[in-house]
């Protein structure tokens, strides 16, 4: 028997085969192909752990839209003052990625003077902007002259 005769004979047998047998044969071929395809796939599984370091960072601005940065270390000039209470207004922005608790540290303030602000212990969230008011109280009877003191605004990770 030649190849044409064998193919013709196969076609005749397939045509005369019961439908359930043909459905089963097709299902078997598909399952076999799926098994062959899936058995040729090899996978590796890994679980990843990532730590993002917290950064407690703040910036101070002279305007509410936060475009006029007051550079760290800038001298704040209060101008010519008299005895009494005086204020300066700024805006703080949390430029870090963690909540921070704010505090003001004052050093070398002349005797009888006080320097406070309205945000002691305030928790500032990342990207939050808050208005701060620094209040300087100069006592009565202060002598004329130039006075210097230092302040630090600290942002501690909350």
N, C-alpha and C. Protein backbone atom coordinates (compact mmCIF):
# COMPACT_ATOMS: atom_id res chain seq x y z
N UNK A 1 0.84 -1.16 0.00
CA UNK A 1 0.00 0.00 0.00
C UNK A 1 0.89 1.23 0.00
N UNK A 2 0.55 2.18 -0.86
CA UNK A 2 1.34 3.40 -0.92
C UNK A 2 0.80 4.43 0.08
N UNK A 3 1.45 5.58 0.14
CA UNK A 3 1.09 6.61 1.11
C UNK A 3 -0.30 7.16 0.84
N UNK A 4 -0.66 7.36 -0.43
CA UNK A 4 -1.99 7.87 -0.75
C UNK A 4 -3.07 6.90 -0.31
N UNK A 5 -2.82 5.68 -0.50
CA UNK A 5 -3.80 4.67 -0.08
C UNK A 5 -3.95 4.65 1.43
N UNK A 6 -2.85 4.82 2.15
CA UNK A 6 -2.90 4.83 3.61
C UNK A 6 -3.65 6.04 4.12
N UNK A 7 -3.42 7.20 3.52
CA UNK A 7 -4.11 8.42 3.92
C UNK A 7 -5.60 8.29 3.63
N UNK A 8 -5.93 7.78 2.46
CA UNK A 8 -7.34 7.59 2.11
C UNK A 8 -8.02 6.64 3.07
N UNK A 9 -7.33 5.55 3.40
CA UNK A 9 -7.86 4.56 4.34
C UNK A 9 -8.08 5.20 5.72
N UNK A 10 -7.15 6.06 6.16
CA UNK A 10 -7.28 6.73 7.46
C UNK A 10 -8.48 7.67 7.46
N UNK A 11 -8.67 8.40 6.35
CA UNK A 11 -9.81 9.31 6.25
C UNK A 11 -11.13 8.54 6.35
N UNK A 12 -11.18 7.42 5.70
CA UNK A 12 -12.40 6.62 5.73
C UNK A 12 -12.68 6.14 7.15
N UNK A 13 -11.64 5.70 7.84
CA UNK A 13 -11.83 5.22 9.21
C UNK A 13 -12.25 6.35 10.15
N UNK A 14 -11.67 7.55 9.96
CA UNK A 14 -12.03 8.69 10.81
C UNK A 14 -13.49 9.08 10.57
N UNK A 15 -13.92 9.07 9.30
CA UNK A 15 -15.31 9.41 8.98
C UNK A 15 -16.28 8.43 9.59
N UNK A 16 -15.91 7.17 9.66
CA UNK A 16 -16.80 6.13 10.17
C UNK A 16 -16.67 5.93 11.68
N UNK A 17 -15.71 6.60 12.31
CA UNK A 17 -15.51 6.42 13.76
C UNK A 17 -16.64 7.09 14.53
N UNK A 18 -17.00 6.56 15.70
CA UNK A 18 -18.02 7.21 16.52
C UNK A 18 -17.54 8.59 16.97
N UNK A 19 -18.49 9.53 17.10
CA UNK A 19 -18.16 10.91 17.46
C UNK A 19 -17.47 10.98 18.82
N UNK A 20 -17.87 10.18 19.78
CA UNK A 20 -17.25 10.22 21.10
C UNK A 20 -15.77 9.87 21.03
N UNK A 21 -15.43 9.00 20.08
CA UNK A 21 -14.04 8.61 19.93
C UNK A 21 -13.24 9.78 19.35
N UNK A 22 -13.82 10.48 18.39
CA UNK A 22 -13.14 11.64 17.80
C UNK A 22 -12.96 12.76 18.82
N UNK A 23 -14.00 13.01 19.61
CA UNK A 23 -13.90 14.05 20.65
C UNK A 23 -12.83 13.67 21.65
N UNK A 24 -12.80 12.45 22.07
CA UNK A 24 -11.79 11.97 23.01
C UNK A 24 -10.39 12.08 22.45
N UNK A 25 -10.24 11.73 21.13
CA UNK A 25 -8.94 11.81 20.48
C UNK A 25 -8.45 13.26 20.43
N UNK A 26 -9.34 14.19 20.07
CA UNK A 26 -8.97 15.61 20.03
C UNK A 26 -8.60 16.10 21.42
N UNK A 27 -9.38 15.72 22.43
CA UNK A 27 -9.08 16.12 23.81
C UNK A 27 -7.74 15.57 24.25
N UNK A 28 -7.46 14.34 23.90
CA UNK A 28 -6.19 13.72 24.27
C UNK A 28 -5.03 14.45 23.60
N UNK A 29 -5.19 14.83 22.34
CA UNK A 29 -4.14 15.55 21.63
C UNK A 29 -3.90 16.91 22.27
N UNK A 30 -4.99 17.63 22.63
CA UNK A 30 -4.85 18.95 23.26
C UNK A 30 -4.18 18.83 24.61
N UNK A 31 -4.60 17.86 25.43
CA UNK A 31 -3.99 17.66 26.75
C UNK A 31 -2.52 17.32 26.62
N UNK A 32 -2.22 16.49 25.66
CA UNK A 32 -0.82 16.11 25.45
C UNK A 32 0.01 17.32 25.04
N UNK A 33 -0.55 18.15 24.16
CA UNK A 33 0.17 19.34 23.72
C UNK A 33 0.36 20.31 24.87
N UNK A 34 -0.67 20.45 25.71
CA UNK A 34 -0.59 21.33 26.87
C UNK A 34 0.47 20.81 27.83
N UNK A 35 0.49 19.52 28.09
CA UNK A 35 1.48 18.93 28.98
C UNK A 35 2.88 19.17 28.46
N UNK A 36 3.08 18.95 27.17
CA UNK A 36 4.40 19.15 26.57
C UNK A 36 4.81 20.62 26.71
N UNK A 37 3.86 21.51 26.42
CA UNK A 37 4.17 22.94 26.51
C UNK A 37 4.47 23.34 27.95
N UNK A 38 3.65 22.87 28.90
CA UNK A 38 3.86 23.27 30.28
C UNK A 38 5.06 22.59 30.89
N UNK A 39 5.40 21.42 30.45
CA UNK A 39 6.54 20.73 31.03
C UNK A 39 7.85 21.32 30.53
N UNK A 40 7.80 22.16 29.52
CA UNK A 40 9.02 22.79 29.04
C UNK A 40 9.24 24.16 29.69
N UNK A 41 8.36 24.53 30.63
CA UNK A 41 8.51 25.79 31.33
C UNK A 41 9.07 25.53 32.72
N UNK A 42 10.12 26.24 33.07
CA UNK A 42 10.73 26.11 34.38
C UNK A 42 10.68 27.48 35.04
N UNK A 43 10.19 27.57 36.26
CA UNK A 43 10.07 28.86 36.92
C UNK A 43 10.87 28.89 38.21
N UNK A 44 11.30 30.07 38.55
CA UNK A 44 11.97 30.31 39.83
C UNK A 44 11.14 31.33 40.58
N UNK A 45 10.96 31.15 41.88
CA UNK A 45 10.14 32.04 42.70
C UNK A 45 11.03 32.69 43.75
N UNK A 46 10.88 34.00 43.90
CA UNK A 46 11.63 34.73 44.91
C UNK A 46 10.69 35.72 45.59
N UNK A 47 10.83 35.85 46.88
CA UNK A 47 10.12 36.89 47.62
C UNK A 47 11.11 38.00 47.90
N UNK A 48 10.70 39.25 47.70
CA UNK A 48 11.59 40.39 47.85
C UNK A 48 11.19 41.23 49.06
N UNK A 49 12.17 41.75 49.74
CA UNK A 49 11.96 42.68 50.84
C UNK A 49 12.73 43.95 50.51
N UNK A 50 12.05 45.08 50.61
CA UNK A 50 12.68 46.36 50.32
C UNK A 50 12.47 47.28 51.52
N UNK A 51 13.51 47.99 51.90
CA UNK A 51 13.39 48.97 52.98
C UNK A 51 13.68 50.35 52.39
N UNK A 52 12.77 51.27 52.60
CA UNK A 52 12.96 52.65 52.19
C UNK A 52 13.34 53.43 53.46
N UNK A 53 14.51 54.00 53.44
CA UNK A 53 14.98 54.72 54.62
C UNK A 53 14.16 55.99 54.83
N UNK A 54 13.85 56.27 56.08
CA UNK A 54 13.12 57.48 56.42
C UNK A 54 14.04 58.68 56.36
N UNK A 55 13.53 59.77 55.83
CA UNK A 55 14.32 61.00 55.74
C UNK A 55 13.50 62.13 56.37
N UNK A 56 13.97 62.62 57.52
CA UNK A 56 13.32 63.74 58.19
C UNK A 56 13.95 65.02 57.66
N UNK A 57 13.23 65.69 56.76
CA UNK A 57 13.75 66.90 56.13
C UNK A 57 12.65 67.96 56.06
N UNK A 58 13.04 69.21 56.34
CA UNK A 58 12.09 70.32 56.23
C UNK A 58 12.78 71.46 55.49
N UNK A 59 11.95 72.32 54.91
CA UNK A 59 12.45 73.55 54.28
C UNK A 59 11.58 74.70 54.78
N UNK A 60 12.19 75.90 54.88
CA UNK A 60 11.46 77.07 55.33
C UNK A 60 11.37 78.08 54.18
N UNK A 61 10.18 78.67 54.06
CA UNK A 61 9.91 79.61 52.96
C UNK A 61 9.37 80.92 53.51
N UNK A 62 9.61 82.00 52.76
CA UNK A 62 9.13 83.32 53.15
C UNK A 62 7.74 83.60 52.60
N UNK A 63 7.20 82.68 51.77
CA UNK A 63 5.89 82.89 51.17
C UNK A 63 5.05 81.61 51.25
N UNK A 64 3.73 81.79 51.24
CA UNK A 64 2.81 80.65 51.40
C UNK A 64 2.85 79.70 50.21
N UNK A 65 3.26 80.17 49.03
CA UNK A 65 3.32 79.28 47.86
C UNK A 65 4.65 78.52 47.80
N UNK A 66 5.49 78.73 48.78
CA UNK A 66 6.77 78.02 48.92
C UNK A 66 7.66 78.16 47.69
N UNK A 67 7.81 79.40 47.24
CA UNK A 67 8.71 79.67 46.12
C UNK A 67 9.95 80.45 46.56
N UNK A 68 9.88 81.08 47.74
CA UNK A 68 11.00 81.89 48.24
C UNK A 68 11.66 81.16 49.42
N UNK A 69 12.59 80.29 49.09
CA UNK A 69 13.28 79.46 50.09
C UNK A 69 14.14 80.33 50.99
N UNK A 70 14.04 80.11 52.29
CA UNK A 70 14.94 80.74 53.26
C UNK A 70 16.03 79.71 53.50
N UNK A 71 17.17 79.96 52.92
CA UNK A 71 18.27 78.99 52.93
C UNK A 71 18.76 78.75 54.35
N UNK A 72 19.05 77.48 54.65
CA UNK A 72 19.58 77.11 55.96
C UNK A 72 20.83 77.93 56.26
N UNK A 73 20.89 78.53 57.42
CA UNK A 73 22.04 79.34 57.82
C UNK A 73 21.88 80.82 57.51
N UNK A 74 20.75 81.19 56.91
CA UNK A 74 20.49 82.60 56.59
C UNK A 74 20.32 83.41 57.88
N UNK A 75 20.84 84.63 57.90
CA UNK A 75 20.63 85.53 59.03
C UNK A 75 19.26 86.19 58.87
N UNK A 76 18.46 86.08 59.90
CA UNK A 76 17.14 86.72 59.89
C UNK A 76 17.29 88.07 60.57
N UNK A 77 17.04 89.11 59.81
CA UNK A 77 17.20 90.48 60.29
C UNK A 77 15.85 90.98 60.80
N UNK A 78 15.76 91.24 62.07
CA UNK A 78 14.52 91.75 62.66
C UNK A 78 14.39 93.26 62.48
N UNK A 79 15.43 93.91 61.99
CA UNK A 79 15.38 95.35 61.78
C UNK A 79 15.56 96.12 63.09
N UNK A 80 15.15 97.39 63.09
CA UNK A 80 15.24 98.23 64.28
C UNK A 80 14.01 97.99 65.14
N UNK A 81 14.22 97.44 66.32
CA UNK A 81 13.11 97.11 67.20
C UNK A 81 13.11 98.00 68.44
N UNK A 82 11.97 98.05 69.05
CA UNK A 82 11.82 98.69 70.35
C UNK A 82 11.36 97.61 71.32
N UNK A 83 11.24 97.96 72.56
CA UNK A 83 10.73 96.99 73.53
C UNK A 83 9.33 96.58 73.13
N UNK A 84 8.98 95.34 73.40
CA UNK A 84 7.66 94.84 73.06
C UNK A 84 7.73 93.50 72.35
N UNK A 85 6.61 93.12 71.78
CA UNK A 85 6.49 91.82 71.12
C UNK A 85 6.47 92.03 69.60
N UNK A 86 7.28 91.23 68.92
CA UNK A 86 7.42 91.33 67.46
C UNK A 86 7.30 89.93 66.86
N UNK A 87 6.79 89.84 65.64
CA UNK A 87 6.60 88.52 65.02
C UNK A 87 7.18 88.48 63.60
N UNK A 88 7.55 87.29 63.20
CA UNK A 88 7.97 86.99 61.82
C UNK A 88 7.17 85.75 61.41
N UNK A 89 6.67 85.77 60.17
CA UNK A 89 5.87 84.66 59.67
C UNK A 89 6.61 83.97 58.52
N UNK A 90 6.65 82.65 58.60
CA UNK A 90 7.27 81.82 57.57
C UNK A 90 6.38 80.60 57.33
N UNK A 91 6.79 79.77 56.38
CA UNK A 91 6.08 78.51 56.09
C UNK A 91 7.09 77.40 56.08
N UNK A 92 6.75 76.31 56.75
CA UNK A 92 7.59 75.11 56.77
C UNK A 92 6.94 74.05 55.91
N UNK A 93 7.77 73.35 55.16
CA UNK A 93 7.29 72.22 54.35
C UNK A 93 8.11 70.99 54.72
N UNK A 94 7.40 69.89 54.94
CA UNK A 94 8.07 68.62 55.19
C UNK A 94 8.49 68.06 53.83
N UNK A 95 9.75 68.15 53.51
CA UNK A 95 10.27 67.68 52.23
C UNK A 95 10.82 66.25 52.34
N UNK A 96 10.68 65.65 53.51
CA UNK A 96 11.11 64.27 53.71
C UNK A 96 9.98 63.30 53.42
N UNK A 97 10.17 62.05 53.82
CA UNK A 97 9.17 61.01 53.56
C UNK A 97 8.62 60.36 54.83
N UNK A 98 8.79 61.04 55.97
CA UNK A 98 8.26 60.55 57.25
C UNK A 98 7.60 61.71 57.99
N UNK A 99 6.69 61.38 58.89
CA UNK A 99 6.13 62.40 59.78
C UNK A 99 7.24 62.90 60.69
N UNK A 100 7.23 64.20 60.97
CA UNK A 100 8.23 64.77 61.88
C UNK A 100 7.54 65.60 62.95
N UNK A 101 8.15 65.64 64.11
CA UNK A 101 7.69 66.48 65.21
C UNK A 101 8.62 67.69 65.27
N UNK A 102 8.02 68.88 65.29
CA UNK A 102 8.79 70.12 65.24
C UNK A 102 9.11 70.65 66.63
N UNK A 103 10.29 71.24 66.75
CA UNK A 103 10.65 71.93 67.98
C UNK A 103 11.59 73.09 67.63
N UNK A 104 11.59 74.10 68.47
CA UNK A 104 12.44 75.27 68.29
C UNK A 104 13.47 75.29 69.40
N UNK A 105 14.73 75.43 69.02
CA UNK A 105 15.83 75.54 69.98
C UNK A 105 16.40 76.95 69.84
N UNK A 106 16.55 77.63 70.97
CA UNK A 106 17.06 79.01 70.98
C UNK A 106 18.35 79.03 71.81
N UNK A 107 19.35 79.74 71.30
CA UNK A 107 20.64 79.82 72.00
C UNK A 107 21.12 81.27 72.01
N UNK A 108 21.76 81.65 73.08
CA UNK A 108 22.40 82.96 73.24
C UNK A 108 21.41 84.12 73.23
N UNK A 109 20.20 83.89 73.68
CA UNK A 109 19.20 84.96 73.75
C UNK A 109 19.57 85.89 74.92
N UNK A 110 19.57 87.19 74.71
CA UNK A 110 19.92 88.11 75.80
C UNK A 110 18.99 87.92 77.01
N UNK A 111 19.50 88.22 78.15
CA UNK A 111 18.74 88.08 79.39
C UNK A 111 17.47 88.93 79.35
N UNK A 112 16.35 88.30 79.74
CA UNK A 112 15.07 88.99 79.78
C UNK A 112 14.29 88.92 78.47
N UNK A 113 14.90 88.46 77.40
CA UNK A 113 14.25 88.32 76.10
C UNK A 113 13.60 86.94 76.02
N UNK A 114 12.64 86.79 75.11
CA UNK A 114 12.11 85.46 74.84
C UNK A 114 11.85 85.32 73.34
N UNK A 115 12.04 84.10 72.88
CA UNK A 115 11.78 83.76 71.47
C UNK A 115 11.01 82.45 71.46
N UNK A 116 9.78 82.52 70.97
CA UNK A 116 8.92 81.33 70.93
C UNK A 116 8.29 81.22 69.55
N UNK A 117 7.53 80.15 69.38
CA UNK A 117 6.79 79.99 68.13
C UNK A 117 5.53 79.21 68.37
N UNK A 118 4.70 79.13 67.35
CA UNK A 118 3.37 78.53 67.48
C UNK A 118 3.31 77.06 67.07
N UNK A 119 4.42 76.39 66.85
CA UNK A 119 4.37 75.00 66.36
C UNK A 119 5.18 74.02 67.20
N UNK A 120 5.41 74.34 68.45
CA UNK A 120 6.18 73.43 69.31
C UNK A 120 5.43 72.11 69.46
N UNK A 121 6.08 71.00 69.14
CA UNK A 121 5.48 69.66 69.25
C UNK A 121 4.52 69.31 68.13
N UNK A 122 4.40 70.16 67.13
CA UNK A 122 3.48 69.90 66.01
C UNK A 122 4.03 68.77 65.14
N UNK A 123 3.14 67.85 64.72
CA UNK A 123 3.55 66.76 63.84
C UNK A 123 3.23 67.15 62.39
N UNK A 124 4.26 67.24 61.58
CA UNK A 124 4.15 67.66 60.18
C UNK A 124 4.30 66.43 59.29
N UNK A 125 3.32 66.19 58.44
CA UNK A 125 3.32 65.02 57.56
C UNK A 125 4.11 65.32 56.28
N UNK A 126 4.58 64.28 55.57
CA UNK A 126 5.31 64.49 54.32
C UNK A 126 4.49 65.36 53.35
N UNK A 127 5.16 66.33 52.76
CA UNK A 127 4.60 67.29 51.80
C UNK A 127 3.63 68.30 52.42
N UNK A 128 3.39 68.20 53.72
CA UNK A 128 2.50 69.18 54.36
C UNK A 128 3.23 70.50 54.53
N UNK A 129 2.48 71.58 54.37
CA UNK A 129 3.01 72.94 54.56
C UNK A 129 2.22 73.57 55.71
N UNK A 130 2.95 74.20 56.62
CA UNK A 130 2.29 74.83 57.76
C UNK A 130 2.91 76.22 57.98
N UNK A 131 2.03 77.16 58.32
CA UNK A 131 2.49 78.51 58.63
C UNK A 131 3.07 78.52 60.05
N UNK A 132 4.22 79.16 60.20
CA UNK A 132 4.80 79.31 61.53
C UNK A 132 4.94 80.80 61.84
N UNK A 133 4.77 81.13 63.10
CA UNK A 133 4.95 82.50 63.56
C UNK A 133 5.97 82.46 64.69
N UNK A 134 7.08 83.15 64.47
CA UNK A 134 8.13 83.27 65.50
C UNK A 134 7.89 84.59 66.22
N UNK A 135 7.84 84.52 67.55
CA UNK A 135 7.55 85.71 68.37
C UNK A 135 8.78 86.05 69.19
N UNK A 136 9.24 87.29 69.05
CA UNK A 136 10.39 87.78 69.80
C UNK A 136 9.90 88.87 70.75
N UNK A 137 10.17 88.68 72.03
CA UNK A 137 9.78 89.67 73.05
C UNK A 137 11.03 90.36 73.58
N UNK A 138 11.05 91.67 73.44
CA UNK A 138 12.18 92.48 73.89
C UNK A 138 11.71 93.23 75.15
N UNK A 139 12.47 93.12 76.26
CA UNK A 139 12.02 93.75 77.51
C UNK A 139 12.16 95.28 77.49
N UNK A 140 11.41 95.91 78.35
CA UNK A 140 11.51 97.37 78.54
C UNK A 140 12.91 97.69 79.08
N UNK A 141 13.41 98.84 78.70
CA UNK A 141 14.69 99.31 79.24
C UNK A 141 15.90 98.68 78.60
N UNK A 142 15.75 97.97 77.49
CA UNK A 142 16.90 97.36 76.83
C UNK A 142 17.81 98.46 76.26
N UNK A 143 19.09 98.25 76.39
CA UNK A 143 20.06 99.23 75.91
C UNK A 143 20.16 99.17 74.38
N UNK A 144 20.47 100.30 73.78
CA UNK A 144 20.67 100.37 72.33
C UNK A 144 21.86 99.52 71.94
N UNK A 145 21.82 98.95 70.77
CA UNK A 145 22.94 98.15 70.29
C UNK A 145 22.47 97.03 69.36
N UNK A 146 23.41 96.25 68.92
CA UNK A 146 23.11 95.10 68.06
C UNK A 146 23.15 93.85 68.91
N UNK A 147 22.17 93.00 68.72
CA UNK A 147 22.06 91.77 69.50
C UNK A 147 21.98 90.59 68.52
N UNK A 148 22.58 89.50 68.91
CA UNK A 148 22.57 88.31 68.06
C UNK A 148 22.20 87.10 68.91
N UNK A 149 21.36 86.25 68.35
CA UNK A 149 21.04 84.96 68.99
C UNK A 149 20.79 83.96 67.86
N UNK A 150 20.73 82.71 68.22
CA UNK A 150 20.58 81.64 67.22
C UNK A 150 19.31 80.84 67.49
N UNK A 151 18.70 80.36 66.41
CA UNK A 151 17.57 79.43 66.54
C UNK A 151 17.77 78.27 65.57
N UNK A 152 17.27 77.13 65.98
CA UNK A 152 17.24 75.94 65.13
C UNK A 152 15.81 75.42 65.15
N UNK A 153 15.31 75.12 63.99
CA UNK A 153 14.02 74.41 63.92
C UNK A 153 14.38 72.96 63.66
N UNK A 154 14.02 72.13 64.60
CA UNK A 154 14.35 70.71 64.49
C UNK A 154 13.12 69.92 64.05
N UNK A 155 13.37 68.95 63.19
CA UNK A 155 12.32 68.04 62.71
C UNK A 155 12.78 66.63 63.05
N UNK A 156 12.17 66.06 64.08
CA UNK A 156 12.54 64.72 64.52
C UNK A 156 11.51 63.72 64.02
N UNK A 157 11.99 62.62 63.46
CA UNK A 157 11.07 61.60 62.95
C UNK A 157 10.08 61.18 64.04
N UNK A 158 8.79 61.26 63.70
CA UNK A 158 7.74 60.96 64.68
C UNK A 158 7.47 59.48 64.76
